[in-house]
Amino acid sequence: MSVGSYRFKSGVSAFFEMATADAREVLPDHLEPIEVTHQRSILSVTAFLFDDSVVGPYTELMFSVIVPPMVAEWGQHAKAGFFPFLAATSSAEARRIKSERFHFPYHPDDIDAQFIETNEKLRVR
């Protein structure tokens, strides 16, 4: 099955501390969260403004826990690993297609994420 094209105009990530116990709850057994301090792990929230996709323009929020990267036997190695555990979008069709193709759990309702760009910054609300 073809994945299709998903081009985004803007994307921004923010990192937050979260309880390691909470991070472990959303991870499969074979993964461990990276801790920044004792019992504190990292939550990544990434916002995308897709301007060209198989379903048209939409916004998406992706929530991930930072984990050690998977190391391949050959080739370049990743410097970080992200385990996405929840996504939310402004498009029901994007939710349907991406949950079928990528198997991410999606928040069931549309979101209203707005990207506000100025010359100096990008704000998502």
PDB file of N, CA and C in Angstrom:
ATOM      1  N   MET A   1       0.856  -1.175   0.000  1.00  0.00           N
ATOM      2  CA  MET A   1       0.000   0.000   0.000  1.00  0.00           C
ATOM      3  C   MET A   1       0.900   1.235   0.000  1.00  0.00           C
ATOM      4  N   SER A   2       0.621   2.150  -0.893  1.00  0.00           N
ATOM      5  CA  SER A   2       1.380   3.397  -0.959  1.00  0.00           C
ATOM      6  C   SER A   2       1.037   4.288   0.226  1.00  0.00           C
ATOM      7  N   VAL A   3       2.063   4.907   0.794  1.00  0.00           N
ATOM      8  CA  VAL A   3       1.850   5.793   1.937  1.00  0.00           C
ATOM      9  C   VAL A   3       1.285   7.127   1.478  1.00  0.00           C
ATOM     10  N   GLY A   4       1.613   7.559   0.269  1.00  0.00           N
ATOM     11  CA  GLY A   4       1.153   8.852  -0.214  1.00  0.00           C
ATOM     12  C   GLY A   4       2.117   9.944   0.202  1.00  0.00           C
ATOM     13  N   SER A   5       1.772  11.152  -0.156  1.00  0.00           N
ATOM     14  CA  SER A   5       2.625  12.304   0.128  1.00  0.00           C
ATOM     15  C   SER A   5       2.025  13.129   1.257  1.00  0.00           C
ATOM     16  N   TYR A   6       2.861  13.483   2.224  1.00  0.00           N
ATOM     17  CA  TYR A   6       2.449  14.330   3.346  1.00  0.00           C
ATOM     18  C   TYR A   6       3.494  15.425   3.510  1.00  0.00           C
ATOM     19  N   ARG A   7       3.280  16.556   2.842  1.00  0.00           N
ATOM     20  CA  ARG A   7       4.216  17.676   2.943  1.00  0.00           C
ATOM     21  C   ARG A   7       3.700  18.651   3.985  1.00  0.00           C
ATOM     22  N   PHE A   8       4.579  19.086   4.892  1.00  0.00           N
ATOM     23  CA  PHE A   8       4.133  20.046   5.891  1.00  0.00           C
ATOM     24  C   PHE A   8       4.801  21.392   5.682  1.00  0.00           C
ATOM     25  N   LYS A   9       4.025  22.441   5.945  1.00  0.00           N
ATOM     26  CA  LYS A   9       4.511  23.814   5.821  1.00  0.00           C
ATOM     27  C   LYS A   9       5.287  24.205   7.061  1.00  0.00           C
ATOM     28  N   SER A  10       4.781  23.838   8.221  1.00  0.00           N
ATOM     29  CA  SER A  10       5.415  24.191   9.493  1.00  0.00           C
ATOM     30  C   SER A  10       5.362  22.996  10.427  1.00  0.00           C
ATOM     31  N   GLY A  11       6.378  22.909  11.256  1.00  0.00           N
ATOM     32  CA  GLY A  11       6.420  21.893  12.291  1.00  0.00           C
ATOM     33  C   GLY A  11       7.225  22.423  13.461  1.00  0.00           C
ATOM     34  N   VAL A  12       6.785  22.131  14.655  1.00  0.00           N
ATOM     35  CA  VAL A  12       7.487  22.594  15.851  1.00  0.00           C
ATOM     36  C   VAL A  12       7.355  21.525  16.935  1.00  0.00           C
ATOM     37  N   SER A  13       8.446  21.316  17.674  1.00  0.00           N
ATOM     38  CA  SER A  13       8.438  20.349  18.773  1.00  0.00           C
ATOM     39  C   SER A  13       8.777  21.045  20.077  1.00  0.00           C
ATOM     40  N   ALA A  14       8.194  20.544  21.140  1.00  0.00           N
ATOM     41  CA  ALA A  14       8.509  21.018  22.488  1.00  0.00           C
ATOM     42  C   ALA A  14       8.711  19.786  23.361  1.00  0.00           C
ATOM     43  N   PHE A  15       9.604  19.915  24.329  1.00  0.00           N
ATOM     44  CA  PHE A  15       9.916  18.812  25.227  1.00  0.00           C
ATOM     45  C   PHE A  15       9.553  19.198  26.651  1.00  0.00           C
ATOM     46  N   PHE A  16       8.954  18.248  27.363  1.00  0.00           N
ATOM     47  CA  PHE A  16       8.500  18.472  28.735  1.00  0.00           C
ATOM     48  C   PHE A  16       8.935  17.293  29.594  1.00  0.00           C
ATOM     49  N   GLU A  17       9.127  17.546  30.873  1.00  0.00           N
ATOM     50  CA  GLU A  17       9.374  16.443  31.797  1.00  0.00           C
ATOM     51  C   GLU A  17       8.051  15.752  32.106  1.00  0.00           C
ATOM     52  N   MET A  18       8.143  14.446  32.291  1.00  0.00           N
ATOM     53  CA  MET A  18       6.983  13.671  32.725  1.00  0.00           C
ATOM     54  C   MET A  18       7.468  12.603  33.696  1.00  0.00           C
ATOM     55  N   ALA A  19       6.574  12.106  34.502  1.00  0.00           N
ATOM     56  CA  ALA A  19       6.933  11.042  35.440  1.00  0.00           C
ATOM     57  C   ALA A  19       7.332   9.786  34.667  1.00  0.00           C
ATOM     58  N   THR A  20       8.433   9.178  35.058  1.00  0.00           N
ATOM     59  CA  THR A  20       8.885   7.956  34.397  1.00  0.00           C
ATOM     60  C   THR A  20       7.835   6.853  34.508  1.00  0.00           C
ATOM     61  N   ALA A  21       7.134   6.784  35.618  1.00  0.00           N
ATOM     62  CA  ALA A  21       6.069   5.775  35.774  1.00  0.00           C
ATOM     63  C   ALA A  21       4.990   5.970  34.711  1.00  0.00           C
ATOM     64  N   ASP A  22       4.637   7.225  34.412  1.00  0.00           N
ATOM     65  CA  ASP A  22       3.641   7.498  33.366  1.00  0.00           C
ATOM     66  C   ASP A  22       4.189   7.135  31.990  1.00  0.00           C
ATOM     67  N   ALA A  23       5.458   7.427  31.756  1.00  0.00           N
ATOM     68  CA  ALA A  23       6.077   7.084  30.470  1.00  0.00           C
ATOM     69  C   ALA A  23       6.068   5.575  30.265  1.00  0.00           C
ATOM     70  N   ARG A  24       6.392   4.823  31.303  1.00  0.00           N
ATOM     71  CA  ARG A  24       6.401   3.357  31.191  1.00  0.00           C
ATOM     72  C   ARG A  24       5.012   2.801  30.886  1.00  0.00           C
ATOM     73  N   GLU A  25       3.978   3.461  31.363  1.00  0.00           N
ATOM     74  CA  GLU A  25       2.598   3.005  31.117  1.00  0.00           C
ATOM     75  C   GLU A  25       2.251   2.986  29.629  1.00  0.00           C
ATOM     76  N   VAL A  26       2.808   3.904  28.846  1.00  0.00           N
ATOM     77  CA  VAL A  26       2.442   3.995  27.424  1.00  0.00           C
ATOM     78  C   VAL A  26       3.436   3.284  26.511  1.00  0.00           C
ATOM     79  N   LEU A  27       4.545   2.800  27.068  1.00  0.00           N
ATOM     80  CA  LEU A  27       5.557   2.122  26.258  1.00  0.00           C
ATOM     81  C   LEU A  27       5.347   0.613  26.259  1.00  0.00           C
ATOM     82  N   PRO A  28       5.687  -0.050  25.141  1.00  0.00           N
ATOM     83  CA  PRO A  28       5.679  -1.518  25.158  1.00  0.00           C
ATOM     84  C   PRO A  28       6.796  -2.020  26.082  1.00  0.00           C
ATOM     85  N   ASP A  29       6.677  -3.266  26.513  1.00  0.00           N
ATOM     86  CA  ASP A  29       7.604  -3.824  27.503  1.00  0.00           C
ATOM     87  C   ASP A  29       9.071  -3.786  27.076  1.00  0.00           C
ATOM     88  N   HIS A  30       9.342  -3.864  25.772  1.00  0.00           N
ATOM     89  CA  HIS A  30      10.740  -3.932  25.324  1.00  0.00           C
ATOM     90  C   HIS A  30      11.421  -2.558  25.261  1.00  0.00           C
ATOM     91  N   LEU A  31      10.707  -1.473  25.563  1.00  0.00           N
ATOM     92  CA  LEU A  31      11.294  -0.129  25.541  1.00  0.00           C
ATOM     93  C   LEU A  31      11.321   0.480  26.939  1.00  0.00           C
ATOM     94  N   GLU A  32      12.338   1.281  27.193  1.00  0.00           N
ATOM     95  CA  GLU A  32      12.481   2.020  28.451  1.00  0.00           C
ATOM     96  C   GLU A  32      12.586   3.503  28.119  1.00  0.00           C
ATOM     97  N   PRO A  33      11.962   4.365  28.892  1.00  0.00           N
ATOM     98  CA  PRO A  33      12.117   5.801  28.649  1.00  0.00           C
ATOM     99  C   PRO A  33      13.504   6.280  29.083  1.00  0.00           C
ATOM    100  N   ILE A  34      14.001   7.298  28.415  1.00  0.00           N
ATOM    101  CA  ILE A  34      15.233   7.957  28.857  1.00  0.00           C
ATOM    102  C   ILE A  34      14.868   8.893  29.999  1.00  0.00           C
ATOM    103  N   GLU A  35      15.662   8.838  31.065  1.00  0.00           N
ATOM    104  CA  GLU A  35      15.417   9.725  32.208  1.00  0.00           C
ATOM    105  C   GLU A  35      16.383  10.908  32.172  1.00  0.00           C
ATOM    106  N   VAL A  36      15.846  12.109  32.414  1.00  0.00           N
ATOM    107  CA  VAL A  36      16.700  13.298  32.508  1.00  0.00           C
ATOM    108  C   VAL A  36      17.203  13.470  33.932  1.00  0.00           C
ATOM    109  N   THR A  37      16.402  13.085  34.884  1.00  0.00           N
ATOM    110  CA  THR A  37      16.786  12.990  36.294  1.00  0.00           C
ATOM    111  C   THR A  37      16.046  11.779  36.846  1.00  0.00           C
ATOM    112  N   HIS A  38      16.344  11.411  38.064  1.00  0.00           N
ATOM    113  CA  HIS A  38      15.714  10.233  38.656  1.00  0.00           C
ATOM    114  C   HIS A  38      14.183  10.356  38.616  1.00  0.00           C
ATOM    115  N   GLN A  39      13.546   9.377  37.999  1.00  0.00           N
ATOM    116  CA  GLN A  39      12.087   9.270  37.891  1.00  0.00           C
ATOM    117  C   GLN A  39      11.432  10.356  37.032  1.00  0.00           C
ATOM    118  N   ARG A  40      12.211  11.049  36.209  1.00  0.00           N
ATOM    119  CA  ARG A  40      11.656  12.068  35.299  1.00  0.00           C
ATOM    120  C   ARG A  40      12.123  11.754  33.881  1.00  0.00           C
ATOM    121  N   SER A  41      11.170  11.542  32.981  1.00  0.00           N
ATOM    122  CA  SER A  41      11.451  11.226  31.585  1.00  0.00           C
ATOM    123  C   SER A  41      11.033  12.392  30.700  1.00  0.00           C
ATOM    124  N   ILE A  42      11.055  12.174  29.374  1.00  0.00           N
ATOM    125  CA  ILE A  42      10.823  13.266  28.428  1.00  0.00           C
ATOM    126  C   ILE A  42       9.598  12.984  27.565  1.00  0.00           C
ATOM    127  N   LEU A  43       8.674  13.924  27.568  1.00  0.00           N
ATOM    128  CA  LEU A  43       7.505  13.920  26.689  1.00  0.00           C
ATOM    129  C   LEU A  43       7.785  14.891  25.553  1.00  0.00           C
ATOM    130  N   SER A  44       7.607  14.440  24.324  1.00  0.00           N
ATOM    131  CA  SER A  44       7.742  15.300  23.151  1.00  0.00           C
ATOM    132  C   SER A  44       6.353  15.560  22.578  1.00  0.00           C
ATOM    133  N   VAL A  45       6.057  16.824  22.318  1.00  0.00           N
ATOM    134  CA  VAL A  45       4.817  17.201  21.642  1.00  0.00           C
ATOM    135  C   VAL A  45       5.225  17.906  20.352  1.00  0.00           C
ATOM    136  N   THR A  46       4.825  17.339  19.220  1.00  0.00           N
ATOM    137  CA  THR A  46       5.167  17.905  17.919  1.00  0.00           C
ATOM    138  C   THR A  46       3.888  18.317  17.212  1.00  0.00           C
ATOM    139  N   ALA A  47       3.884  19.541  16.701  1.00  0.00           N
ATOM    140  CA  ALA A  47       2.731  20.070  15.965  1.00  0.00           C
ATOM    141  C   ALA A  47       3.124  20.235  14.502  1.00  0.00           C
ATOM    142  N   PHE A  48       2.273  19.746  13.610  1.00  0.00           N
ATOM    143  CA  PHE A  48       2.495  19.866  12.173  1.00  0.00           C
ATOM    144  C   PHE A  48       1.338  20.612  11.530  1.00  0.00           C
ATOM    145  N   LEU A  49       1.660  21.431  10.553  1.00  0.00           N
ATOM    146  CA  LEU A  49       0.666  22.053   9.680  1.00  0.00           C
ATOM    147  C   LEU A  49       0.908  21.472   8.292  1.00  0.00           C
ATOM    148  N   PHE A  50       0.156  20.411   7.961  1.00  0.00           N
ATOM    149  CA  PHE A  50       0.286  19.776   6.653  1.00  0.00           C
ATOM    150  C   PHE A  50      -0.461  20.622   5.634  1.00  0.00           C
ATOM    151  N   ASP A  51       0.259  21.062   4.605  1.00  0.00           N
ATOM    152  CA  ASP A  51      -0.391  21.885   3.586  1.00  0.00           C
ATOM    153  C   ASP A  51      -0.678  21.105   2.314  1.00  0.00           C
ATOM    154  N   ASP A  52      -0.121  19.893   2.202  1.00  0.00           N
ATOM    155  CA  ASP A  52      -0.358  19.083   1.016  1.00  0.00           C
ATOM    156  C   ASP A  52      -0.297  17.614   1.429  1.00  0.00           C
ATOM    157  N   SER A  53      -1.416  16.942   1.354  1.00  0.00           N
ATOM    158  CA  SER A  53      -1.464  15.522   1.708  1.00  0.00           C
ATOM    159  C   SER A  53      -2.551  14.856   0.878  1.00  0.00           C
ATOM    160  N   VAL A  54      -2.671  13.551   1.030  1.00  0.00           N
ATOM    161  CA  VAL A  54      -3.702  12.816   0.286  1.00  0.00           C
ATOM    162  C   VAL A  54      -5.111  13.209   0.722  1.00  0.00           C
ATOM    163  N   VAL A  55      -5.248  13.866   1.873  1.00  0.00           N
ATOM    164  CA  VAL A  55      -6.572  14.302   2.351  1.00  0.00           C
ATOM    165  C   VAL A  55      -6.708  15.826   2.370  1.00  0.00           C
ATOM    166  N   GLY A  56      -5.726  16.527   1.807  1.00  0.00           N
ATOM    167  CA  GLY A  56      -5.761  17.991   1.824  1.00  0.00           C
ATOM    168  C   GLY A  56      -5.060  18.539   3.056  1.00  0.00           C
ATOM    169  N   PRO A  57      -5.179  19.847   3.304  1.00  0.00           N
ATOM    170  CA  PRO A  57      -4.492  20.451   4.448  1.00  0.00           C
ATOM    171  C   PRO A  57      -5.150  20.080   5.781  1.00  0.00           C
ATOM    172  N   TYR A  58      -4.313  19.915   6.802  1.00  0.00           N
ATOM    173  CA  TYR A  58      -4.820  19.662   8.159  1.00  0.00           C
ATOM    174  C   TYR A  58      -3.696  19.878   9.163  1.00  0.00           C
ATOM    175  N   THR A  59      -4.057  19.940  10.442  1.00  0.00           N
ATOM    176  CA  THR A  59      -3.066  20.053  11.511  1.00  0.00           C
ATOM    177  C   THR A  59      -3.029  18.751  12.305  1.00  0.00           C
ATOM    178  N   GLU A  60      -1.876  18.503  12.930  1.00  0.00           N
ATOM    179  CA  GLU A  60      -1.714  17.274  13.703  1.00  0.00           C
ATOM    180  C   GLU A  60      -0.802  17.536  14.898  1.00  0.00           C
ATOM    181  N   LEU A  61      -1.149  16.949  16.021  1.00  0.00           N
ATOM    182  CA  LEU A  61      -0.291  16.934  17.207  1.00  0.00           C
ATOM    183  C   LEU A  61       0.121  15.490  17.460  1.00  0.00           C
ATOM    184  N   MET A  62       1.410  15.274  17.705  1.00  0.00           N
ATOM    185  CA  MET A  62       1.923  13.937  17.976  1.00  0.00           C
ATOM    186  C   MET A  62       2.596  13.949  19.346  1.00  0.00           C
ATOM    187  N   PHE A  63       2.174  13.044  20.220  1.00  0.00           N
ATOM    188  CA  PHE A  63       2.721  12.925  21.568  1.00  0.00           C
ATOM    189  C   PHE A  63       3.609  11.679  21.620  1.00  0.00           C
ATOM    190  N   SER A  64       4.859  11.857  22.048  1.00  0.00           N
ATOM    191  CA  SER A  64       5.832  10.760  22.057  1.00  0.00           C
ATOM    192  C   SER A  64       6.631  10.759  23.350  1.00  0.00           C
ATOM    193  N   VAL A  65       7.147   9.584  23.692  1.00  0.00           N
ATOM    194  CA  VAL A  65       8.101   9.438  24.791  1.00  0.00           C
ATOM    195  C   VAL A  65       9.473   9.237  24.150  1.00  0.00           C
ATOM    196  N   ILE A  66      10.490   9.913  24.694  1.00  0.00           N
ATOM    197  CA  ILE A  66      11.843   9.755  24.179  1.00  0.00           C
ATOM    198  C   ILE A  66      12.439   8.475  24.768  1.00  0.00           C
ATOM    199  N   VAL A  67      12.951   7.625  23.863  1.00  0.00           N
ATOM    200  CA  VAL A  67      13.522   6.332  24.238  1.00  0.00           C
ATOM    201  C   VAL A  67      14.912   6.217  23.612  1.00  0.00           C
ATOM    202  N   PRO A  68      15.746   5.277  24.080  1.00  0.00           N
ATOM    203  CA  PRO A  68      17.032   5.063  23.402  1.00  0.00           C
ATOM    204  C   PRO A  68      16.784   4.642  21.955  1.00  0.00           C
ATOM    205  N   PRO A  69      17.639   5.078  21.038  1.00  0.00           N
ATOM    206  CA  PRO A  69      17.429   4.721  19.629  1.00  0.00           C
ATOM    207  C   PRO A  69      17.680   3.237  19.388  1.00  0.00           C
ATOM    208  N   MET A  70      17.012   2.711  18.383  1.00  0.00           N
ATOM    209  CA  MET A  70      17.279   1.343  17.948  1.00  0.00           C
ATOM    210  C   MET A  70      18.566   1.398  17.125  1.00  0.00           C
ATOM    211  N   VAL A  71      19.501   0.531  17.406  1.00  0.00           N
ATOM    212  CA  VAL A  71      20.788   0.557  16.722  1.00  0.00           C
ATOM    213  C   VAL A  71      20.802  -0.542  15.668  1.00  0.00           C
ATOM    214  N   ALA A  72      21.058  -0.136  14.428  1.00  0.00           N
ATOM    215  CA  ALA A  72      21.122  -1.086  13.327  1.00  0.00           C
ATOM    216  C   ALA A  72      22.541  -1.649  13.225  1.00  0.00           C
ATOM    217  N   GLU A  73      22.661  -2.832  12.644  1.00  0.00           N
ATOM    218  CA  GLU A  73      23.979  -3.440  12.496  1.00  0.00           C
ATOM    219  C   GLU A  73      24.813  -2.680  11.466  1.00  0.00           C
ATOM    220  N   TRP A  74      24.172  -2.178  10.396  1.00  0.00           N
ATOM    221  CA  TRP A  74      24.879  -1.457   9.341  1.00  0.00           C
ATOM    222  C   TRP A  74      24.315  -0.058   9.215  1.00  0.00           C
ATOM    223  N   GLY A  75      25.121   0.822   8.671  1.00  0.00           N
ATOM    224  CA  GLY A  75      24.620   2.159   8.350  1.00  0.00           C
ATOM    225  C   GLY A  75      24.740   3.132   9.500  1.00  0.00           C
ATOM    226  N   GLN A  76      24.151   4.280   9.304  1.00  0.00           N
ATOM    227  CA  GLN A  76      24.200   5.328  10.315  1.00  0.00           C
ATOM    228  C   GLN A  76      23.223   5.015  11.440  1.00  0.00           C
ATOM    229  N   HIS A  77      23.565   5.496  12.606  1.00  0.00           N
ATOM    230  CA  HIS A  77      22.742   5.234  13.775  1.00  0.00           C
ATOM    231  C   HIS A  77      21.979   6.484  14.186  1.00  0.00           C
ATOM    232  N   ALA A  78      20.770   6.280  14.611  1.00  0.00           N
ATOM    233  CA  ALA A  78      19.951   7.395  15.092  1.00  0.00           C
ATOM    234  C   ALA A  78      20.535   7.928  16.390  1.00  0.00           C
ATOM    235  N   LYS A  79      20.340   9.211  16.628  1.00  0.00           N
ATOM    236  CA  LYS A  79      20.828   9.840  17.855  1.00  0.00           C
ATOM    237  C   LYS A  79      19.757   9.862  18.943  1.00  0.00           C
ATOM    238  N   ALA A  80      18.510   9.675  18.559  1.00  0.00           N
ATOM    239  CA  ALA A  80      17.407   9.675  19.524  1.00  0.00           C
ATOM    240  C   ALA A  80      16.284   8.803  18.982  1.00  0.00           C
ATOM    241  N   GLY A  81      15.451   8.338  19.883  1.00  0.00           N
ATOM    242  CA  GLY A  81      14.289   7.553  19.500  1.00  0.00           C
ATOM    243  C   GLY A  81      13.029   8.177  20.068  1.00  0.00           C
ATOM    244  N   PHE A  82      11.977   8.160  19.281  1.00  0.00           N
ATOM    245  CA  PHE A  82      10.676   8.684  19.693  1.00  0.00           C
ATOM    246  C   PHE A  82       9.678   7.540  19.596  1.00  0.00           C
ATOM    247  N   PHE A  83       8.905   7.311  20.647  1.00  0.00           N
ATOM    248  CA  PHE A  83       7.826   6.333  20.584  1.00  0.00           C
ATOM    249  C   PHE A  83       6.509   7.096  20.643  1.00  0.00           C
ATOM    250  N   PRO A  84       5.829   7.257  19.485  1.00  0.00           N
ATOM    251  CA  PRO A  84       4.549   7.977  19.488  1.00  0.00           C
ATOM    252  C   PRO A  84       3.463   7.128  20.137  1.00  0.00           C
ATOM    253  N   PHE A  85       2.763   7.724  21.091  1.00  0.00           N
ATOM    254  CA  PHE A  85       1.711   6.971  21.774  1.00  0.00           C
ATOM    255  C   PHE A  85       0.331   7.575  21.574  1.00  0.00           C
ATOM    256  N   LEU A  86       0.246   8.783  21.021  1.00  0.00           N
ATOM    257  CA  LEU A  86      -1.057   9.394  20.753  1.00  0.00           C
ATOM    258  C   LEU A  86      -0.889  10.494  19.720  1.00  0.00           C
ATOM    259  N   ALA A  87      -1.851  10.587  18.819  1.00  0.00           N
ATOM    260  CA  ALA A  87      -1.882  11.665  17.837  1.00  0.00           C
ATOM    261  C   ALA A  87      -3.287  12.252  17.821  1.00  0.00           C
ATOM    262  N   ALA A  88      -3.369  13.494  17.400  1.00  0.00           N
ATOM    263  CA  ALA A  88      -4.662  14.182  17.279  1.00  0.00           C
ATOM    264  C   ALA A  88      -4.602  15.038  16.024  1.00  0.00           C
ATOM    265  N   THR A  89      -5.696  15.092  15.259  1.00  0.00           N
ATOM    266  CA  THR A  89      -5.691  15.872  14.027  1.00  0.00           C
ATOM    267  C   THR A  89      -6.987  16.664  13.881  1.00  0.00           C
ATOM    268  N   SER A  90      -6.948  17.566  12.920  1.00  0.00           N
ATOM    269  CA  SER A  90      -8.135  18.355  12.596  1.00  0.00           C
ATOM    270  C   SER A  90      -8.966  17.695  11.502  1.00  0.00           C
ATOM    271  N   SER A  91      -8.578  16.501  11.057  1.00  0.00           N
ATOM    272  CA  SER A  91      -9.234  15.853   9.922  1.00  0.00           C
ATOM    273  C   SER A  91      -9.599  14.406  10.239  1.00  0.00           C
ATOM    274  N   ALA A  92     -10.876  14.096  10.162  1.00  0.00           N
ATOM    275  CA  ALA A  92     -11.331  12.720  10.397  1.00  0.00           C
ATOM    276  C   ALA A  92     -10.737  11.765   9.364  1.00  0.00           C
ATOM    277  N   GLU A  93     -10.638  12.212   8.118  1.00  0.00           N
ATOM    278  CA  GLU A  93     -10.084  11.357   7.064  1.00  0.00           C
ATOM    279  C   GLU A  93      -8.593  11.094   7.297  1.00  0.00           C
ATOM    280  N   ALA A  94      -7.849  12.094   7.742  1.00  0.00           N
ATOM    281  CA  ALA A  94      -6.428  11.889   8.066  1.00  0.00           C
ATOM    282  C   ALA A  94      -6.290  10.886   9.205  1.00  0.00           C
ATOM    283  N   ARG A  95      -7.137  10.997  10.216  1.00  0.00           N
ATOM    284  CA  ARG A  95      -7.119  10.039  11.333  1.00  0.00           C
ATOM    285  C   ARG A  95      -7.351   8.625  10.837  1.00  0.00           C
ATOM    286  N   ARG A  96      -8.351   8.462  10.009  1.00  0.00           N
ATOM    287  CA  ARG A  96      -8.698   7.129   9.512  1.00  0.00           C
ATOM    288  C   ARG A  96      -7.542   6.525   8.718  1.00  0.00           C
ATOM    289  N   ILE A  97      -7.030   7.275   7.745  1.00  0.00           N
ATOM    290  CA  ILE A  97      -5.977   6.751   6.873  1.00  0.00           C
ATOM    291  C   ILE A  97      -4.693   6.482   7.651  1.00  0.00           C
ATOM    292  N   LYS A  98      -4.268   7.441   8.475  1.00  0.00           N
ATOM    293  CA  LYS A  98      -2.995   7.268   9.176  1.00  0.00           C
ATOM    294  C   LYS A  98      -3.080   6.196  10.266  1.00  0.00           C
ATOM    295  N   SER A  99      -4.232   6.041  10.901  1.00  0.00           N
ATOM    296  CA  SER A  99      -4.345   4.971  11.900  1.00  0.00           C
ATOM    297  C   SER A  99      -4.301   3.604  11.219  1.00  0.00           C
ATOM    298  N   GLU A 100      -4.847   3.494  10.005  1.00  0.00           N
ATOM    299  CA  GLU A 100      -4.781   2.237   9.258  1.00  0.00           C
ATOM    300  C   GLU A 100      -3.364   1.953   8.772  1.00  0.00           C
ATOM    301  N   ARG A 101      -2.681   2.981   8.269  1.00  0.00           N
ATOM    302  CA  ARG A 101      -1.355   2.785   7.672  1.00  0.00           C
ATOM    303  C   ARG A 101      -0.234   2.723   8.700  1.00  0.00           C
ATOM    304  N   PHE A 102      -0.291   3.599   9.696  1.00  0.00           N
ATOM    305  CA  PHE A 102       0.828   3.718  10.637  1.00  0.00           C
ATOM    306  C   PHE A 102       0.510   3.148  12.016  1.00  0.00           C
ATOM    307  N   HIS A 103      -0.741   2.806  12.249  1.00  0.00           N
ATOM    308  CA  HIS A 103      -1.186   2.170  13.500  1.00  0.00           C
ATOM    309  C   HIS A 103      -0.959   3.027  14.744  1.00  0.00           C
ATOM    310  N   PHE A 104      -1.008   4.354  14.583  1.00  0.00           N
ATOM    311  CA  PHE A 104      -0.948   5.244  15.744  1.00  0.00           C
ATOM    312  C   PHE A 104      -2.322   5.310  16.381  1.00  0.00           C
ATOM    313  N   PRO A 105      -2.393   5.330  17.697  1.00  0.00           N
ATOM    314  CA  PRO A 105      -3.678   5.617  18.334  1.00  0.00           C
ATOM    315  C   PRO A 105      -3.993   7.106  18.178  1.00  0.00           C
ATOM    316  N   TYR A 106      -5.216   7.396  17.812  1.00  0.00           N
ATOM    317  CA  TYR A 106      -5.636   8.780  17.571  1.00  0.00           C
ATOM    318  C   TYR A 106      -6.726   9.200  18.533  1.00  0.00           C
ATOM    319  N   HIS A 107      -6.649  10.452  18.973  1.00  0.00           N
ATOM    320  CA  HIS A 107      -7.735  11.079  19.726  1.00  0.00           C
ATOM    321  C   HIS A 107      -8.944  11.119  18.790  1.00  0.00           C
ATOM    322  N   PRO A 108     -10.138  10.743  19.233  1.00  0.00           N
ATOM    323  CA  PRO A 108     -11.269  10.565  18.321  1.00  0.00           C
ATOM    324  C   PRO A 108     -11.874  11.851  17.758  1.00  0.00           C
ATOM    325  N   ASP A 109     -11.655  12.980  18.396  1.00  0.00           N
ATOM    326  CA  ASP A 109     -12.305  14.222  17.958  1.00  0.00           C
ATOM    327  C   ASP A 109     -11.341  15.123  17.199  1.00  0.00           C
ATOM    328  N   ASP A 110     -11.910  15.990  16.351  1.00  0.00           N
ATOM    329  CA  ASP A 110     -11.101  16.985  15.649  1.00  0.00           C
ATOM    330  C   ASP A 110     -10.500  17.966  16.650  1.00  0.00           C
ATOM    331  N   ILE A 111      -9.291  18.431  16.355  1.00  0.00           N
ATOM    332  CA  ILE A 111      -8.659  19.467  17.170  1.00  0.00           C
ATOM    333  C   ILE A 111      -8.681  20.777  16.394  1.00  0.00           C
ATOM    334  N   ASP A 112      -8.484  21.864  17.095  1.00  0.00           N
ATOM    335  CA  ASP A 112      -8.432  23.183  16.467  1.00  0.00           C
ATOM    336  C   ASP A 112      -7.091  23.826  16.804  1.00  0.00           C
ATOM    337  N   ALA A 113      -6.007  23.249  16.285  1.00  0.00           N
ATOM    338  CA  ALA A 113      -4.670  23.810  16.501  1.00  0.00           C
ATOM    339  C   ALA A 113      -4.440  24.902  15.466  1.00  0.00           C
ATOM    340  N   GLN A 114      -4.003  26.043  15.927  1.00  0.00           N
ATOM    341  CA  GLN A 114      -3.756  27.181  15.036  1.00  0.00           C
ATOM    342  C   GLN A 114      -2.280  27.537  15.062  1.00  0.00           C
ATOM    343  N   PHE A 115      -1.709  27.752  13.888  1.00  0.00           N
ATOM    344  CA  PHE A 115      -0.315  28.160  13.739  1.00  0.00           C
ATOM    345  C   PHE A 115      -0.293  29.656  13.467  1.00  0.00           C
ATOM    346  N   ILE A 116       0.375  30.399  14.343  1.00  0.00           N
ATOM    347  CA  ILE A 116       0.461  31.852  14.211  1.00  0.00           C
ATOM    348  C   ILE A 116       1.930  32.185  13.967  1.00  0.00           C
ATOM    349  N   GLU A 117       2.234  32.620  12.741  1.00  0.00           N
ATOM    350  CA  GLU A 117       3.615  32.902  12.362  1.00  0.00           C
ATOM    351  C   GLU A 117       3.850  34.396  12.251  1.00  0.00           C
ATOM    352  N   THR A 118       4.976  34.844  12.810  1.00  0.00           N
ATOM    353  CA  THR A 118       5.457  36.211  12.625  1.00  0.00           C
ATOM    354  C   THR A 118       6.880  36.103  12.088  1.00  0.00           C
ATOM    355  N   ASN A 119       7.514  37.234  11.856  1.00  0.00           N
ATOM    356  CA  ASN A 119       8.889  37.211  11.362  1.00  0.00           C
ATOM    357  C   ASN A 119       9.849  36.576  12.355  1.00  0.00           C
ATOM    358  N   GLU A 120       9.521  36.644  13.634  1.00  0.00           N
ATOM    359  CA  GLU A 120      10.455  36.203  14.660  1.00  0.00           C
ATOM    360  C   GLU A 120      10.095  34.884  15.334  1.00  0.00           C
ATOM    361  N   LYS A 121       8.851  34.437  15.222  1.00  0.00           N
ATOM    362  CA  LYS A 121       8.484  33.228  15.960  1.00  0.00           C
ATOM    363  C   LYS A 121       7.287  32.530  15.330  1.00  0.00           C
ATOM    364  N   LEU A 122       7.105  31.289  15.760  1.00  0.00           N
ATOM    365  CA  LEU A 122       5.955  30.473  15.381  1.00  0.00           C
ATOM    366  C   LEU A 122       5.279  30.051  16.674  1.00  0.00           C
ATOM    367  N   ARG A 123       3.996  30.315  16.756  1.00  0.00           N
ATOM    368  CA  ARG A 123       3.228  29.967  17.952  1.00  0.00           C
ATOM    369  C   ARG A 123       2.118  29.000  17.558  1.00  0.00           C
ATOM    370  N   VAL A 124       1.917  27.983  18.360  1.00  0.00           N
ATOM    371  CA  VAL A 124       0.832  27.026  18.130  1.00  0.00           C
ATOM    372  C   VAL A 124      -0.093  27.099  19.325  1.00  0.00           C
ATOM    373  N   ARG A 125      -1.372  27.276  19.026  1.00  0.00           N
ATOM    374  CA  ARG A 125      -2.344  27.274  20.131  1.00  0.00           C
ATOM    375  C   ARG A 125      -3.571  26.504  19.733  1.00  0.00           C
TER     376      ARG A 125
END
